[in-house]
C-alpha atoms as a PDB file:
ATOM      1  CA  MET A   1      -0.037   0.001  -0.002  1.00  0.00           C
ATOM      2  CA  MET A   2       2.777   2.451   0.872  1.00  0.00           C
ATOM      3  CA  ILE A   3       4.432   1.924  -2.950  1.00  0.00           C
ATOM      4  CA  ASN A   4       1.010   3.007  -4.214  1.00  0.00           C
ATOM      5  CA  ASN A   5       1.582   6.259  -2.462  1.00  0.00           C
ATOM      6  CA  VAL A   6       5.125   6.707  -3.503  1.00  0.00           C
ATOM      7  CA  TRP A   7       4.289   6.273  -6.998  1.00  0.00           C
ATOM      8  CA  LEU A   8       0.856   8.747  -6.761  1.00  0.00           C
ATOM      9  CA  LEU A   9       3.436  11.431  -5.203  1.00  0.00           C
ATOM     10  CA  ALA A  10       5.908  10.832  -7.696  1.00  0.00           C
ATOM     11  CA  ILE A  11       3.422  11.123 -10.636  1.00  0.00           C
ATOM     12  CA  ALA A  12       1.394  13.903  -9.311  1.00  0.00           C
ATOM     13  CA  GLY A  13       4.649  15.720  -8.172  1.00  0.00           C
ATOM     14  CA  GLY A  14       6.435  15.431 -11.529  1.00  0.00           C
ATOM     15  CA  ALA A  15       3.387  17.038 -13.285  1.00  0.00           C
ATOM     16  CA  LEU A  16       2.930  19.713 -10.634  1.00  0.00           C
ATOM     17  CA  VAL A  17       6.835  20.670 -11.284  1.00  0.00           C
ATOM     18  CA  LEU A  18       6.544  20.493 -14.979  1.00  0.00           C
ATOM     19  CA  GLY A  19       3.348  23.016 -14.811  1.00  0.00           C
ATOM     20  CA  ALA A  20       5.127  25.331 -12.672  1.00  0.00           C
ATOM     21  CA  ALA A  21       8.092  25.164 -15.051  1.00  0.00           C
ATOM     22  CA  ILE A  22       5.965  26.065 -18.085  1.00  0.00           C
ATOM     23  CA  ALA A  23       3.952  28.736 -16.228  1.00  0.00           C
ATOM     24  CA  PHE A  24       7.247  30.301 -14.763  1.00  0.00           C
ATOM     25  CA  ALA A  25       8.820  30.309 -18.413  1.00  0.00           C
ATOM     26  CA  ILE A  26       5.697  32.115 -19.595  1.00  0.00           C
ATOM     27  CA  MET A  27       5.576  34.577 -17.006  1.00  0.00           C
ATOM     28  CA  ARG A  28       9.306  35.593 -17.772  1.00  0.00           C
ATOM     29  CA  GLN A  29       8.749  36.100 -21.695  1.00  0.00           C
ATOM     30  CA  ARG A  30       8.671  39.761 -22.661  1.00  0.00           C
ATOM     31  CA  ARG A  31       7.313  41.542 -25.550  1.00  0.00           C
ATOM     32  CA  LEU A  32      10.080  43.033 -28.060  1.00  0.00           C
ATOM     33  CA  ARG A  33      10.604  46.871 -28.233  1.00  0.00           C
ATOM     34  CA  PRO A  34       9.761  48.725 -31.452  1.00  0.00           C
ATOM     35  CA  ASP A  35      13.198  48.673 -32.419  1.00  0.00           C
ATOM     36  CA  GLU A  36      14.343  45.267 -31.725  1.00  0.00           C
ATOM     37  CA  LYS A  37      10.834  44.146 -33.654  1.00  0.00           C
ATOM     38  CA  ARG A  38      11.874  46.434 -36.679  1.00  0.00           C
ATOM     39  CA  ALA A  39      15.508  44.803 -36.909  1.00  0.00           C
ATOM     40  CA  GLN A  40      13.958  41.138 -36.471  1.00  0.00           C
ATOM     41  CA  ASP A  41      11.583  42.009 -39.360  1.00  0.00           C
ATOM     42  CA  ALA A  42      14.337  43.246 -41.333  1.00  0.00           C
ATOM     43  CA  ASN A  43      16.619  40.337 -40.616  1.00  0.00           C
ATOM     44  CA  ILE A  44      13.771  38.064 -41.873  1.00  0.00           C
ATOM     45  CA  ASP A  45      13.367  39.845 -44.870  1.00  0.00           C
ATOM     46  CA  ARG A  46      16.904  39.825 -45.645  1.00  0.00           C
ATOM     47  CA  LEU A  47      16.819  35.960 -44.857  1.00  0.00           C
ATOM     48  CA  TYR A  48      14.215  35.236 -47.427  1.00  0.00           C
ATOM     49  CA  THR A  49      14.938  37.616 -50.263  1.00  0.00           C
ATOM     50  CA  GLU A  50      18.625  37.258 -50.544  1.00  0.00           C
ATOM     51  CA  PRO A  51      19.634  34.803 -53.189  1.00  0.00           C
ATOM     52  CA  ARG A  52      21.929  32.040 -52.012  1.00  0.00           C
END
């Protein structure tokens, strides 16, 4: 009976830790500043329009 509790704790705890890590990563994201966004867009355009 005790081993069942350990497995339940391990499975539920792992899911909880994974959910917390995903939530933390989402909260830490930031939006690009307008100048960073323009630079990113320019680089993407250059990447797809320049011949190889």
